[in-house]
Protein backbone atom coordinates (compact mmCIF):
# COMPACT_ATOMS: atom_id res chain seq x y z
CA MET A 1 0.00 0.00 0.00
CA LEU A 2 1.33 3.45 -0.96
CA LYS A 3 1.91 5.71 2.02
CA PRO A 4 1.23 9.46 1.86
CA ASP A 5 4.32 11.51 1.11
CA PRO A 6 5.36 13.25 4.38
CA PHE A 7 6.74 16.18 2.41
CA LEU A 8 3.42 16.66 0.62
CA ILE A 9 1.66 16.68 4.00
CA SER A 10 4.13 19.34 5.15
CA LEU A 11 3.42 21.40 2.04
CA VAL A 12 -0.34 21.17 2.58
CA CYS A 13 0.09 22.21 6.23
CA THR A 14 2.26 25.14 5.12
CA VAL A 15 -0.39 26.31 2.65
CA ILE A 16 -3.04 26.05 5.40
CA LEU A 17 -0.81 28.04 7.79
CA ALA A 18 -0.28 30.73 5.13
CA THR A 19 -4.05 30.83 4.59
CA VAL A 20 -4.90 31.20 8.28
CA LEU A 21 -1.86 33.22 9.41
CA PRO A 22 -0.23 34.89 6.37
CA CYS A 23 2.80 37.09 6.97
CA HIS A 24 1.99 40.74 6.34
CA GLY A 25 3.22 44.22 7.08
CA ALA A 26 6.77 44.48 8.42
CA ALA A 27 7.14 40.65 8.37
CA VAL A 28 6.89 40.46 4.56
CA PRO A 29 10.40 41.78 3.67
CA VAL A 30 11.87 39.66 6.49
CA PHE A 31 10.38 36.47 5.04
CA GLN A 32 11.30 37.49 1.49
CA ASP A 33 14.94 38.01 2.48
CA LEU A 34 14.88 34.75 4.46
CA ALA A 35 13.53 32.90 1.41
CA ILE A 36 16.36 34.26 -0.76
CA ALA A 37 18.94 33.28 1.88
CA VAL A 38 17.70 29.70 2.39
CA ILE A 39 17.50 29.15 -1.39
CA ALA A 40 21.12 30.25 -1.78
CA VAL A 41 22.21 27.92 1.05
CA MET A 42 20.26 25.02 -0.47
CA PHE A 43 21.92 25.40 -3.89
CA PHE A 44 25.31 25.88 -2.27
CA MET A 45 24.94 22.56 -0.42
CA GLN A 46 23.69 20.85 -3.60
CA GLY A 47 26.92 21.90 -5.28
CA ALA A 48 28.98 20.79 -2.28
CA ARG A 49 27.57 17.26 -2.14
CA LEU A 50 27.51 16.57 -5.88
CA SER A 51 30.62 14.64 -6.90
CA ARG A 52 32.66 15.78 -9.89
CA GLU A 53 32.21 12.32 -11.41
CA ALA A 54 28.43 12.79 -11.38
CA VAL A 55 28.74 16.24 -12.91
CA VAL A 56 30.90 15.16 -15.87
CA GLY A 57 29.80 11.52 -16.13
CA GLY A 58 27.39 9.85 -18.48
CA ILE A 59 28.58 11.36 -21.72
CA VAL A 60 29.21 7.94 -23.29
CA ASN A 61 25.52 7.00 -23.59
CA TRP A 62 24.69 10.22 -25.41
CA ARG A 63 21.59 8.90 -27.20
CA LEU A 64 19.89 8.11 -23.90
CA HIS A 65 20.77 11.45 -22.33
CA LEU A 66 19.71 13.35 -25.43
CA ALA A 67 16.36 11.54 -25.38
CA ILE A 68 15.79 12.45 -21.73
CA LEU A 69 16.80 16.09 -22.23
CA LEU A 70 14.49 16.39 -25.24
CA CYS A 71 11.61 14.96 -23.21
CA THR A 72 12.31 17.33 -20.32
CA PHE A 73 12.98 20.57 -22.18
CA ALA A 74 11.19 20.12 -25.54
CA LEU A 75 8.37 17.57 -25.29
CA PHE A 76 6.91 18.95 -22.05
CA PRO A 77 6.81 22.62 -23.22
CA LEU A 78 5.26 21.61 -26.56
CA LEU A 79 2.58 19.58 -24.79
CA GLY A 80 1.94 22.41 -22.33
CA LEU A 81 1.52 24.95 -25.14
CA GLY A 82 -0.72 22.52 -27.03
CA LEU A 83 -2.91 21.94 -23.97
CA HIS A 84 -3.23 25.69 -23.45
CA ALA A 85 -4.10 26.23 -27.13
CA LEU A 86 -6.88 23.64 -26.90
CA PHE A 87 -8.32 24.78 -23.54
CA PRO A 88 -7.26 28.42 -23.01
CA ASN A 89 -10.11 29.24 -20.62
CA MET A 90 -10.01 26.05 -18.57
CA LEU A 91 -7.74 27.50 -15.86
CA HIS A 92 -7.04 30.85 -14.20
CA PRO A 93 -4.37 32.74 -16.23
CA SER A 94 -1.82 32.57 -13.38
CA VAL A 95 -2.45 28.83 -13.06
CA TRP A 96 -1.77 28.43 -16.78
CA LEU A 97 1.53 30.23 -16.13
CA GLY A 98 2.21 27.58 -13.50
CA ILE A 99 1.45 24.73 -15.91
CA LEU A 100 3.75 26.21 -18.56
CA PHE A 101 6.46 26.93 -15.98
CA LEU A 102 6.19 23.32 -14.75
CA CYS A 103 6.81 22.16 -18.33
CA CYS A 104 10.10 24.11 -18.46
CA LEU A 105 11.59 22.64 -15.27
CA PRO A 106 14.37 20.00 -15.09
CA SER A 107 13.84 16.44 -13.92
CA THR A 108 14.00 15.29 -10.33
CA VAL A 109 17.12 13.56 -9.03
CA GLN A 110 16.32 11.34 -6.03
CA SER A 111 12.93 10.01 -7.11
CA SER A 112 13.99 9.45 -10.75
CA ILE A 113 16.93 7.33 -9.58
CA ALA A 114 14.84 5.53 -6.95
CA PHE A 115 12.08 4.54 -9.37
CA THR A 116 14.61 3.48 -12.03
CA SER A 117 16.26 1.26 -9.43
CA ILE A 118 12.95 -0.27 -8.28
CA ALA A 119 12.01 -0.98 -11.91
CA ARG A 120 15.39 -2.68 -12.56
CA GLY A 121 16.46 -0.03 -15.06
CA ASN A 122 19.79 1.55 -15.96
CA VAL A 123 20.59 3.24 -12.64
CA PRO A 124 24.01 4.73 -13.59
CA ALA A 125 22.40 6.34 -16.64
CA ALA A 126 19.54 7.66 -14.47
CA VAL A 127 22.04 9.19 -12.03
CA CYS A 128 23.92 10.96 -14.83
CA ALA A 129 20.79 12.01 -16.72
CA ALA A 130 18.95 13.39 -13.70
CA THR A 131 22.05 15.22 -12.49
CA THR A 132 22.73 16.68 -15.93
CA SER A 133 19.10 17.77 -16.24
CA ASN A 134 19.25 19.62 -12.92
CA ILE A 135 22.53 21.37 -13.72
CA LEU A 136 21.42 22.39 -17.23
CA GLY A 137 18.05 23.43 -15.83
CA ILE A 138 19.68 26.32 -13.97
CA PHE A 139 20.60 27.75 -17.39
CA ILE A 140 17.81 26.39 -19.59
CA THR A 141 14.70 26.84 -17.41
CA PRO A 142 14.73 30.67 -17.14
CA ILE A 143 15.46 31.06 -20.86
CA LEU A 144 12.89 28.43 -21.85
CA THR A 145 10.33 29.93 -19.47
CA GLY A 146 10.83 33.32 -21.12
CA LEU A 147 10.34 31.83 -24.60
CA VAL A 148 7.29 29.77 -23.62
CA LEU A 149 5.60 32.62 -21.75
CA ALA A 150 6.36 35.01 -24.61
CA ARG A 151 4.52 32.53 -26.82
CA HIS A 152 1.79 32.52 -24.18
CA GLY A 153 1.78 36.32 -24.30
CA THR A 154 3.15 36.98 -20.82
CA ALA A 155 6.38 38.37 -19.38
CA SER A 156 8.36 35.89 -17.32
CA GLY A 157 8.75 37.97 -14.18
CA GLN A 158 11.16 40.15 -12.32
CA GLY A 159 14.48 38.38 -12.05
CA GLY A 160 15.08 36.45 -15.24
CA VAL A 161 18.43 34.93 -16.08
CA VAL A 162 20.52 37.42 -14.07
CA ALA A 163 18.63 36.69 -10.84
CA ILE A 164 18.93 32.95 -11.46
CA MET A 165 22.67 33.34 -11.94
CA LEU A 166 23.11 35.33 -8.72
CA GLN A 167 20.71 33.46 -6.44
CA LEU A 168 21.01 29.87 -7.72
CA LEU A 169 23.96 29.32 -10.03
CA LEU A 170 26.57 31.30 -8.09
CA PRO A 171 25.92 29.43 -4.79
CA PHE A 172 25.94 26.12 -6.71
CA VAL A 173 29.29 26.93 -8.34
CA LEU A 174 30.77 27.97 -5.00
CA GLY A 175 29.58 24.69 -3.53
CA GLN A 176 31.27 22.81 -6.39
CA VAL A 177 34.51 24.73 -5.83
CA LEU A 178 34.47 23.73 -2.14
CA GLN A 179 33.24 20.18 -2.85
CA PRO A 180 36.65 18.53 -2.23
CA TRP A 181 36.55 19.88 1.34
CA LEU A 182 32.81 19.75 2.06
CA GLY A 183 31.77 16.71 -0.01
CA LYS A 184 32.49 14.00 2.58
CA TRP A 185 30.81 15.99 5.36
CA ALA A 186 27.78 16.57 3.13
CA HIS A 187 27.45 12.85 2.37
CA ARG A 188 27.78 11.93 6.06
CA ASN A 189 24.98 14.37 6.88
CA LYS A 190 22.77 13.58 3.90
CA ARG A 191 19.63 13.14 6.01
CA LEU A 192 20.18 16.43 7.85
CA LEU A 193 20.76 18.29 4.58
CA SER A 194 17.65 16.70 3.07
CA MET A 195 15.64 18.04 6.00
CA THR A 196 17.14 21.52 5.61
CA ASP A 197 16.43 21.44 1.84
CA ARG A 198 12.80 20.64 2.51
CA GLY A 199 12.64 23.23 5.26
CA SER A 200 13.94 25.82 2.80
CA ILE A 201 11.20 24.95 0.31
CA LEU A 202 8.55 25.20 3.05
CA ILE A 203 9.78 28.72 3.91
CA VAL A 204 9.56 29.75 0.24
CA VAL A 205 6.08 28.21 -0.10
CA TYR A 206 4.86 29.95 3.07
CA THR A 207 6.19 33.30 1.85
CA ALA A 208 4.70 32.86 -1.62
CA PHE A 209 1.29 31.70 -0.43
CA SER A 210 1.12 34.40 2.23
CA GLU A 211 1.50 37.02 -0.48
CA ALA A 212 -1.04 35.21 -2.66
CA VAL A 213 -3.57 34.95 0.19
CA VAL A 214 -3.21 38.66 0.96
CA GLN A 215 -3.82 39.32 -2.75
CA GLY A 216 -7.04 37.24 -2.62
CA LEU A 217 -5.83 33.82 -3.81
CA TRP A 218 -8.77 31.76 -2.54
CA HIS A 219 -11.29 34.25 -3.91
CA GLN A 220 -9.79 33.65 -7.35
CA MET A 221 -9.39 29.89 -6.88
CA PRO A 222 -12.66 27.93 -6.47
CA LEU A 223 -12.47 24.24 -5.55
CA SER A 224 -13.35 23.29 -9.13
CA GLN A 225 -10.05 24.85 -10.26
CA ILE A 226 -8.11 22.43 -8.05
CA GLY A 227 -9.85 19.55 -9.81
CA LEU A 228 -9.06 21.05 -13.22
CA ILE A 229 -5.39 21.49 -12.24
CA MET A 230 -5.28 17.80 -11.27
CA LEU A 231 -6.85 16.93 -14.62
CA ALA A 232 -4.39 19.04 -16.62
CA ASP A 233 -1.41 17.65 -14.67
CA SER A 234 -2.65 14.08 -15.17
CA ILE A 235 -3.10 14.58 -18.91
CA LEU A 236 0.43 15.99 -19.21
CA LEU A 237 1.96 13.11 -17.26
CA ALA A 238 -0.03 10.45 -19.14
CA LEU A 239 1.00 11.85 -22.53
CA VAL A 240 4.69 12.04 -21.57
CA LEU A 241 4.69 8.50 -20.12
CA LEU A 242 3.03 7.16 -23.28
CA ILE A 243 5.39 9.01 -25.63
CA THR A 244 8.56 8.10 -23.69
CA THR A 245 7.56 4.43 -23.51
CA LEU A 246 6.60 4.04 -27.17
CA GLY A 247 9.40 6.33 -28.38
CA SER A 248 12.05 4.34 -26.51
CA ARG A 249 10.86 1.14 -28.13
CA VAL A 250 10.62 2.64 -31.63
CA LEU A 251 14.19 3.99 -31.29
CA GLY A 252 15.44 0.57 -30.23
CA PHE A 253 16.60 1.32 -26.69
CA PRO A 254 17.12 -1.75 -24.49
CA ARG A 255 14.57 -2.22 -21.71
CA GLU A 256 16.92 -0.92 -18.98
CA ASP A 257 17.45 2.31 -20.93
CA GLU A 258 13.72 2.58 -21.65
CA ILE A 259 13.05 2.53 -17.91
CA ALA A 260 15.58 5.32 -17.30
CA ILE A 261 14.06 7.42 -20.10
CA VAL A 262 10.51 6.90 -18.82
CA PHE A 263 11.26 7.85 -15.22
CA CYS A 264 13.82 10.62 -15.81
CA GLY A 265 11.98 12.10 -18.80
CA SER A 266 8.56 12.29 -17.13
CA LYS A 267 9.50 13.88 -13.79
CA LYS A 268 9.60 17.53 -12.77
CA THR A 269 11.49 18.84 -9.78
CA LEU A 270 9.67 20.52 -6.92
CA ALA A 271 12.92 21.09 -5.01
CA SER A 272 14.36 23.38 -7.70
CA GLY A 273 11.03 24.52 -9.14
CA VAL A 274 9.78 26.43 -6.10
CA PRO A 275 13.01 28.47 -5.67
CA MET A 276 13.12 29.21 -9.40
CA ALA A 277 9.51 30.40 -9.38
CA ASN A 278 10.35 32.64 -6.42
CA VAL A 279 13.09 34.25 -8.52
CA LEU A 280 11.33 34.40 -11.89
CA PHE A 281 7.83 35.61 -10.99
CA PRO A 282 6.40 38.58 -9.05
CA ALA A 283 5.64 37.80 -5.41
CA ALA A 284 1.90 38.26 -5.93
CA THR A 285 1.72 35.41 -8.49
CA VAL A 286 4.20 32.87 -7.10
CA GLY A 287 1.58 31.08 -4.98
CA LEU A 288 -0.67 30.40 -7.97
CA VAL A 289 2.30 29.56 -10.21
CA VAL A 290 3.68 26.82 -7.93
CA LEU A 291 0.27 25.25 -7.18
CA PRO A 292 0.21 23.08 -10.37
CA LEU A 293 3.79 21.95 -9.62
CA MET A 294 2.89 20.91 -6.06
CA ILE A 295 -0.06 18.87 -7.34
CA PHE A 296 1.98 17.39 -10.21
CA HIS A 297 4.66 16.35 -7.70
CA GLN A 298 2.26 14.09 -5.82
CA ILE A 299 0.61 12.69 -8.97
CA GLN A 300 4.00 11.76 -10.46
CA LEU A 301 5.08 10.02 -7.25
CA PHE A 302 1.91 7.93 -7.11
CA VAL A 303 1.79 7.00 -10.80
CA CYS A 304 5.53 6.30 -11.10
CA ALA A 305 5.48 4.13 -7.95
CA VAL A 306 2.78 1.94 -9.51
CA LEU A 307 4.59 1.88 -12.86
CA ALA A 308 7.95 0.99 -11.26
CA ARG A 309 6.37 -1.96 -9.47
CA ARG A 310 4.86 -3.19 -12.74
CA TYR A 311 8.28 -2.99 -14.45
CA ALA A 312 9.83 -4.84 -11.49
CA GLY A 313 7.15 -7.53 -11.64
CA ALA A 314 7.77 -8.06 -15.36
CA TRP A 315 11.55 -8.28 -14.69
CA GLU A 316 11.01 -10.91 -11.98
CA ARG A 317 8.78 -12.97 -14.27
CA ARG A 318 11.45 -12.90 -16.99
CA GLN A 319 14.08 -14.00 -14.48
CA GLU A 320 11.92 -16.90 -13.36
CA SER A 321 11.23 -17.91 -16.96
CA GLU A 322 14.94 -17.84 -17.82
CA ALA A 323 15.76 -19.89 -14.72
CA LEU A 324 13.17 -22.52 -15.68
CA GLN A 325 14.53 -22.67 -19.23
CA LYS A 326 18.08 -23.22 -17.92
CA ALA A 327 16.85 -25.87 -15.50
CA SER A 328 15.09 -27.75 -18.28
């Protein structure tokens, strides 16, 4: 039985807290500065604990990595724009921004690797692909977001590429520079750093939703919109899973590589997405923008957990069949 994601529960509780007790007045700039600081620390520690081998590895299997990158940064945006073209009035305009922003984000790291491992896929390739996606996403996502939202007819926000460079990339690079000295400590304290990463995201979410609540978020967002966001997210995920599965087979990838493409190519990162949204969009819209991403995060975990178990079951049946054939 699938257990609820504790982080999702924390996110929901944070949104409820921001709804009941939003920060306002003199507290707003304090929380905004705190959000910027914790984001910088989070990306600094990501750089510090990421080994150089992971950063430069995986170039050999270029076809697989190219397929994953195309799914992440080309297929998703095209599907998002297509969905918006078909149903332009289905969602609130700021929620559509969130859907399109979601489509421009890099893949996850931990969950992509975990599901690839459960499904008996190519784990080393998943490690390299997910890591590469996250690193390139620091450069690609703000540019791609600008292009997609220009197509959508909207400006991409206040900070753009320069803010991303200063608030996200610079701390990450500094962490990489200090990785030989901090790397072992970071790996020893992986659980603690994971908790601080999640705590940082909760601070950003609280700050964003506080601003959105003060601006009248829940007056603009009826319950039916939540259902429509779930529907739009589910359609996006279903299409990407179908295309990555069939595309991998048509292109002749072995099953282990197919699994890596399916799980790395269909995921979107909440951990990097929320900080990026905080940099790229005005404070008044960040709450609405990240809402589709938060919902997509839980849907992808549930669906990919079921899919990984089905892949694993098929692998076990093949192993049993091969063992019986050898025995006979």
